[in-house]
Amino acid sequence: MSMIKVNQSSNGQPVELFYQDIGAGSPVVLIHGWPVSHAMWEYQMLALVNNGYRVIAYDRRGFGHSSKPSDGYDYDTLADDLKGLLDGLDLENVSLVGFSMGGGEVARYMNRHRAERVSKVALISAVTPFMLKTSNNPDGVDQKVFSEMQQGLQEDRFDFLSSFGKDFFGVTLINNAVSAATLNWAQNLAAAASPIATLKCVEAFSHTDFRKDLLAIQVPTLIIHGDDDKTVPIAASGDRTAELLSHADYKVYEGAPHGLFITHKDLLNRDLVEFLNAGQGQYANWRLQPGESALTQQPRH
């Protein structure tokens, strides 16, 4: 397994992140959502590698194969972990792609570390700009929603994750948006996380205000959100992020749930590749042809 030391916990123990590093070309760093791991990016990793990119996907501390300390689940520390990865691998001209909670890490990194080493960012189903409903954030989500999530995790984490997964992918009695096998796969990814990390990250992504962080993003930016996202409602997130980032390219996926990296994988792969290719010489005119998939399509020269 590939591990890299990025930080240390409050008791002085080293914190190491597990990562996959595949392909060759301009680096793309994928930051996963809560409560899963880097493995959620399976289809995107293949598509990006097939289109000439070096892809690095890592497990956030507390998740997947990374260290599981009892602390460090605030966004300043998580952004510092990301910096440790970029510095440790000596990456330059990086495109950061953050999904859901990972979008917060992208925003905080861009502000806290002044966009060092980064040339583009993509925010996919992201929790930005501020999830919690407050007096100065009236369009946010009620605290009750997050309190119920935390209660469910503490009472029966596995039952909570099972129900959460269905909402995550938009599965209902009349809509089998993903297979039962995919639901089981996603639950297994989530179950492997530290219970402490799973719980503390709810506090982090719900209570962290990224509005100032977003204003620090001055590089080319892609925002993608599903308009049927029940986990991170688009009105409280994607729409408002786009308002703050007027230079961004904002794509709304009609009928897409939170987990669009599975339900709308071909569309997401196409849009990511086109965004990353823009302005990069031989890839600039790449387009999917009818019947082609970004999973298998090679870049045109």
Protein backbone atom coordinates (compact mmCIF):
# COMPACT_ATOMS: atom_id res chain seq x y z
CA MET A 1 0.00 0.00 0.00
CA SER A 2 1.17 3.56 -0.74
CA MET A 3 1.21 5.66 2.42
CA ILE A 4 2.48 9.18 3.00
CA LYS A 5 3.04 10.96 6.31
CA VAL A 6 1.25 14.30 6.30
CA ASN A 7 0.80 15.41 9.89
CA GLN A 8 0.57 14.11 13.43
CA SER A 9 -2.19 13.61 15.96
CA SER A 10 -2.49 15.41 19.29
CA ASN A 11 -0.69 12.55 21.05
CA GLY A 12 2.29 12.87 18.72
CA GLN A 13 1.54 9.81 16.62
CA PRO A 14 2.15 10.20 12.86
CA VAL A 15 -0.85 10.54 10.57
CA GLU A 16 -0.44 8.73 7.27
CA LEU A 17 -2.73 8.88 4.27
CA PHE A 18 -3.28 5.96 1.92
CA TYR A 19 -3.31 6.96 -1.73
CA GLN A 20 -3.44 5.52 -5.22
CA ASP A 21 -1.25 7.13 -7.86
CA ILE A 22 -1.91 5.91 -11.39
CA GLY A 23 -1.43 7.14 -14.93
CA ALA A 24 0.84 9.80 -16.38
CA GLY A 25 0.35 13.43 -17.36
CA SER A 26 -0.97 16.49 -15.54
CA PRO A 27 -1.93 15.52 -11.98
CA VAL A 28 -5.54 15.36 -10.82
CA VAL A 29 -6.14 14.88 -7.08
CA LEU A 30 -9.53 13.39 -6.14
CA ILE A 31 -10.94 14.09 -2.66
CA HIS A 32 -13.73 11.79 -1.59
CA GLY A 33 -16.99 12.47 0.21
CA TRP A 34 -18.37 11.45 3.58
CA PRO A 35 -18.60 8.71 4.79
CA VAL A 36 -16.82 6.62 2.14
CA SER A 37 -13.22 6.49 0.84
CA HIS A 38 -11.13 7.16 -2.25
CA ALA A 39 -12.62 4.00 -3.79
CA MET A 40 -15.80 5.95 -4.61
CA TRP A 41 -13.88 7.41 -7.59
CA GLU A 42 -13.51 4.05 -9.38
CA TYR A 43 -15.17 5.11 -12.62
CA GLN A 44 -13.63 8.59 -12.66
CA MET A 45 -10.11 7.28 -12.06
CA LEU A 46 -10.34 4.99 -15.06
CA ALA A 47 -11.78 7.68 -17.32
CA LEU A 48 -9.13 10.24 -16.37
CA VAL A 49 -6.23 7.84 -16.77
CA ASN A 50 -7.59 6.77 -20.17
CA ASN A 51 -7.58 10.42 -21.19
CA GLY A 52 -3.97 11.17 -20.36
CA TYR A 53 -3.97 12.24 -16.71
CA ARG A 54 -2.04 11.20 -13.64
CA VAL A 55 -4.66 10.51 -10.98
CA ILE A 56 -4.02 10.60 -7.24
CA ALA A 57 -6.93 9.57 -5.02
CA TYR A 58 -6.43 9.39 -1.26
CA ASP A 59 -8.31 8.41 1.88
CA ARG A 60 -9.01 11.26 4.28
CA ARG A 61 -7.69 10.67 7.80
CA GLY A 62 -10.13 8.42 9.62
CA PHE A 63 -11.39 6.75 6.45
CA GLY A 64 -10.38 3.86 4.21
CA HIS A 65 -6.81 2.69 4.82
CA SER A 66 -5.51 5.96 6.29
CA SER A 67 -4.57 6.55 9.92
CA LYS A 68 -7.54 6.81 12.24
CA PRO A 69 -6.64 9.22 15.05
CA SER A 70 -9.20 10.55 17.51
CA ASP A 71 -8.71 14.16 16.43
CA GLY A 72 -7.94 16.41 13.49
CA TYR A 73 -11.33 16.36 11.80
CA ASP A 74 -11.60 20.11 11.40
CA TYR A 75 -11.12 21.67 7.99
CA ASP A 76 -7.90 23.52 8.83
CA THR A 77 -6.24 20.22 9.70
CA LEU A 78 -7.79 18.41 6.73
CA ALA A 79 -6.54 21.14 4.38
CA ASP A 80 -3.09 20.79 5.93
CA ASP A 81 -3.26 17.03 5.30
CA LEU A 82 -3.97 17.78 1.65
CA LYS A 83 -1.01 20.14 1.52
CA GLY A 84 1.16 17.41 3.02
CA LEU A 85 0.11 15.10 0.20
CA LEU A 86 0.79 17.65 -2.55
CA ASP A 87 4.14 18.61 -1.02
CA GLY A 88 5.15 15.04 -0.30
CA LEU A 89 4.52 13.95 -3.89
CA ASP A 90 5.92 17.27 -5.18
CA LEU A 91 2.94 17.83 -7.45
CA GLU A 92 2.66 20.94 -9.62
CA ASN A 93 -0.09 22.32 -11.85
CA VAL A 94 -2.62 20.25 -9.92
CA SER A 95 -6.36 20.03 -10.58
CA LEU A 96 -8.24 19.45 -7.34
CA VAL A 97 -11.58 17.64 -7.58
CA GLY A 98 -13.61 17.56 -4.36
CA PHE A 99 -16.87 15.70 -3.87
CA SER A 100 -19.33 16.69 -1.12
CA MET A 101 -17.27 17.04 2.07
CA GLY A 102 -14.18 17.02 -0.15
CA GLY A 103 -15.37 20.23 -1.78
CA GLY A 104 -14.88 21.91 1.58
CA GLU A 105 -11.29 20.72 1.70
CA VAL A 106 -10.70 22.21 -1.74
CA ALA A 107 -12.14 25.58 -0.68
CA ARG A 108 -10.24 25.71 2.63
CA TYR A 109 -6.99 24.65 0.95
CA MET A 110 -7.29 27.37 -1.69
CA ASN A 111 -7.63 30.03 1.00
CA ARG A 112 -5.41 28.66 3.76
CA HIS A 113 -2.57 27.68 1.42
CA ARG A 114 -3.08 30.38 -1.21
CA ALA A 115 -3.75 27.95 -4.05
CA GLU A 116 -0.15 26.68 -3.88
CA ARG A 117 0.54 24.07 -6.60
CA VAL A 118 -3.06 24.28 -7.92
CA SER A 119 -4.18 25.37 -11.40
CA LYS A 120 -7.86 24.25 -11.52
CA VAL A 121 -10.58 23.12 -9.14
CA ALA A 122 -13.85 21.21 -9.48
CA LEU A 123 -16.56 21.13 -6.82
CA ILE A 124 -18.88 18.15 -7.23
CA SER A 125 -22.05 17.94 -5.08
CA ALA A 126 -20.05 20.06 -2.63
CA VAL A 127 -21.03 21.21 0.87
CA THR A 128 -19.90 24.76 0.11
CA PRO A 129 -20.56 27.55 0.89
CA PHE A 130 -22.18 26.90 4.33
CA MET A 131 -24.56 24.09 5.17
CA LEU A 132 -25.95 25.16 8.54
CA LYS A 133 -28.96 27.47 8.79
CA THR A 134 -28.09 30.47 10.96
CA SER A 135 -29.25 34.05 11.33
CA ASN A 136 -26.82 35.17 8.63
CA ASN A 137 -27.31 32.04 6.54
CA PRO A 138 -31.10 31.65 6.30
CA ASP A 139 -30.95 29.35 3.25
CA GLY A 140 -29.01 26.66 5.10
CA VAL A 141 -30.17 23.35 6.57
CA ASP A 142 -31.72 23.12 10.05
CA GLN A 143 -29.46 21.91 12.85
CA LYS A 144 -32.07 19.23 13.59
CA VAL A 145 -31.06 17.37 10.42
CA PHE A 146 -27.43 17.09 11.50
CA SER A 147 -28.35 16.25 15.10
CA GLU A 148 -30.47 13.36 13.84
CA MET A 149 -27.57 12.14 11.72
CA GLN A 150 -25.27 12.15 14.72
CA GLN A 151 -27.87 10.41 16.86
CA GLY A 152 -28.37 7.72 14.23
CA LEU A 153 -24.63 7.11 13.99
CA GLN A 154 -24.34 6.68 17.73
CA GLU A 155 -27.38 4.43 18.12
CA ASP A 156 -26.75 2.06 15.20
CA ARG A 157 -24.12 3.23 12.74
CA PHE A 158 -24.64 0.37 10.31
CA ASP A 159 -28.41 0.77 10.13
CA PHE A 160 -27.97 4.51 9.65
CA LEU A 161 -25.48 3.96 6.83
CA SER A 162 -27.89 1.57 5.11
CA SER A 163 -30.71 4.13 5.07
CA PHE A 164 -28.36 6.98 4.26
CA GLY A 165 -27.02 5.11 1.23
CA LYS A 166 -30.47 4.91 -0.33
CA ASP A 167 -30.99 8.67 -0.05
CA PHE A 168 -27.41 9.23 -1.21
CA PHE A 169 -28.08 7.48 -4.52
CA GLY A 170 -31.75 8.46 -4.85
CA VAL A 171 -33.09 4.94 -4.38
CA THR A 172 -36.83 4.74 -3.69
CA LEU A 173 -39.54 2.10 -3.90
CA ILE A 174 -40.14 3.06 -7.54
CA ASN A 175 -36.64 4.14 -8.55
CA ASN A 176 -33.79 1.63 -8.46
CA ALA A 177 -31.18 4.25 -9.33
CA VAL A 178 -28.34 1.84 -8.51
CA SER A 179 -28.12 -1.90 -7.96
CA ALA A 180 -28.31 -3.62 -4.60
CA ALA A 181 -24.69 -4.63 -5.15
CA THR A 182 -23.66 -0.99 -5.48
CA LEU A 183 -25.53 -0.09 -2.29
CA ASN A 184 -23.70 -2.89 -0.48
CA TRP A 185 -20.37 -1.76 -1.89
CA ALA A 186 -20.91 1.83 -0.74
CA GLN A 187 -22.01 0.70 2.72
CA ASN A 188 -18.91 -1.43 3.07
CA LEU A 189 -16.74 1.57 2.20
CA ALA A 190 -18.53 3.64 4.83
CA ALA A 191 -18.46 0.90 7.47
CA ALA A 192 -14.66 0.69 7.20
CA ALA A 193 -14.29 4.26 8.46
CA SER A 194 -13.48 5.16 12.05
CA PRO A 195 -16.70 5.68 14.04
CA ILE A 196 -15.08 8.72 15.66
CA ALA A 197 -14.14 10.22 12.29
CA THR A 198 -17.58 9.50 10.85
CA LEU A 199 -19.24 11.31 13.74
CA LYS A 200 -16.87 14.26 14.01
CA CYS A 201 -16.95 14.97 10.29
CA VAL A 202 -20.70 15.61 10.48
CA GLU A 203 -19.88 18.53 12.78
CA ALA A 204 -17.14 19.69 10.43
CA PHE A 205 -19.05 19.75 7.15
CA SER A 206 -22.25 21.11 8.68
CA HIS A 207 -20.76 23.90 10.80
CA THR A 208 -17.86 25.18 8.69
CA ASP A 209 -18.45 28.43 6.82
CA PHE A 210 -16.61 28.41 3.48
CA ARG A 211 -17.89 31.70 2.12
CA LYS A 212 -14.58 33.52 2.57
CA ASP A 213 -12.67 30.49 1.35
CA LEU A 214 -14.59 30.46 -1.93
CA LEU A 215 -13.70 34.08 -2.58
CA ALA A 216 -10.03 33.04 -2.59
CA ILE A 217 -10.58 30.76 -5.59
CA GLN A 218 -9.30 32.60 -8.65
CA VAL A 219 -8.37 29.65 -10.89
CA PRO A 220 -10.65 28.03 -13.50
CA THR A 221 -13.49 26.34 -11.63
CA LEU A 222 -16.16 23.77 -12.43
CA ILE A 223 -19.25 23.33 -10.25
CA ILE A 224 -21.52 20.30 -10.72
CA HIS A 225 -24.61 19.53 -8.68
CA GLY A 226 -27.72 17.40 -9.04
CA ASP A 227 -31.07 19.15 -8.73
CA ASP A 228 -32.54 16.13 -6.90
CA ASP A 229 -29.79 16.00 -4.27
CA LYS A 230 -31.48 15.21 -0.95
CA THR A 231 -28.20 14.93 0.97
CA VAL A 232 -26.70 18.33 0.07
CA PRO A 233 -29.65 20.31 -1.33
CA ILE A 234 -28.72 22.31 -4.39
CA ALA A 235 -30.46 25.49 -3.22
CA ALA A 236 -28.25 25.61 -0.13
CA SER A 237 -25.06 24.60 -1.88
CA GLY A 238 -24.48 24.46 -5.64
CA ASP A 239 -26.65 27.47 -6.48
CA ARG A 240 -25.06 29.62 -3.80
CA THR A 241 -21.54 28.47 -4.59
CA ALA A 242 -22.10 29.48 -8.20
CA GLU A 243 -23.31 32.90 -7.09
CA LEU A 244 -20.09 33.46 -5.13
CA LEU A 245 -17.89 32.13 -7.95
CA SER A 246 -19.18 34.08 -10.90
CA HIS A 247 -16.25 32.97 -13.06
CA ALA A 248 -17.09 29.28 -12.59
CA ASP A 249 -18.70 26.95 -15.11
CA TYR A 250 -21.86 25.68 -13.36
CA LYS A 251 -23.54 22.50 -14.57
CA VAL A 252 -26.80 21.27 -13.05
CA TYR A 253 -27.66 17.61 -13.63
CA GLU A 254 -31.41 17.23 -13.98
CA GLY A 255 -32.81 14.52 -11.72
CA ALA A 256 -29.42 13.63 -10.27
CA PRO A 257 -29.07 12.63 -6.60
CA HIS A 258 -26.05 13.24 -4.40
CA GLY A 259 -24.16 10.17 -5.57
CA LEU A 260 -24.01 11.26 -9.20
CA PHE A 261 -20.48 9.87 -9.52
CA ILE A 262 -22.30 6.54 -9.96
CA THR A 263 -25.78 7.42 -11.24
CA HIS A 264 -24.49 9.91 -13.84
CA LYS A 265 -20.95 8.63 -14.19
CA ASP A 266 -20.63 8.95 -17.97
CA LEU A 267 -21.89 12.53 -17.94
CA LEU A 268 -19.64 13.43 -15.02
CA ASN A 269 -16.63 11.79 -16.65
CA ARG A 270 -17.24 13.68 -19.89
CA ASP A 271 -17.62 17.02 -18.13
CA LEU A 272 -14.53 16.48 -15.97
CA VAL A 273 -12.39 15.51 -18.95
CA GLU A 274 -13.60 18.44 -21.05
CA PHE A 275 -12.94 20.85 -18.17
CA LEU A 276 -9.48 19.48 -17.54
CA ASN A 277 -8.63 19.39 -21.25
CA ALA A 278 -9.61 23.00 -21.89
CA GLY A 279 -6.53 25.00 -22.83
CA GLN A 280 -4.21 21.99 -22.77
CA GLY A 281 -3.05 21.81 -26.38
CA GLN A 282 -3.62 18.40 -27.93
CA TYR A 283 -6.58 17.71 -25.61
CA ALA A 284 -8.38 21.02 -26.13
CA ASN A 285 -10.71 19.76 -28.87
CA TRP A 286 -11.57 16.41 -27.26
CA ARG A 287 -15.27 15.55 -27.35
CA LEU A 288 -17.29 12.41 -26.85
CA GLN A 289 -18.81 11.07 -30.05
CA PRO A 290 -22.25 9.37 -30.08
CA GLY A 291 -22.03 5.98 -28.41
CA GLU A 292 -18.62 6.63 -26.83
CA SER A 293 -17.88 6.53 -23.11
CA ALA A 294 -15.27 8.58 -21.28
CA LEU A 295 -14.31 5.34 -19.54
CA THR A 296 -12.73 3.97 -22.71
CA GLN A 297 -12.21 6.92 -25.04
CA GLN A 298 -8.58 7.86 -25.67
CA PRO A 299 -7.62 11.52 -26.20
CA ARG A 300 -7.51 12.70 -29.79
CA HIS A 301 -4.27 14.23 -31.04
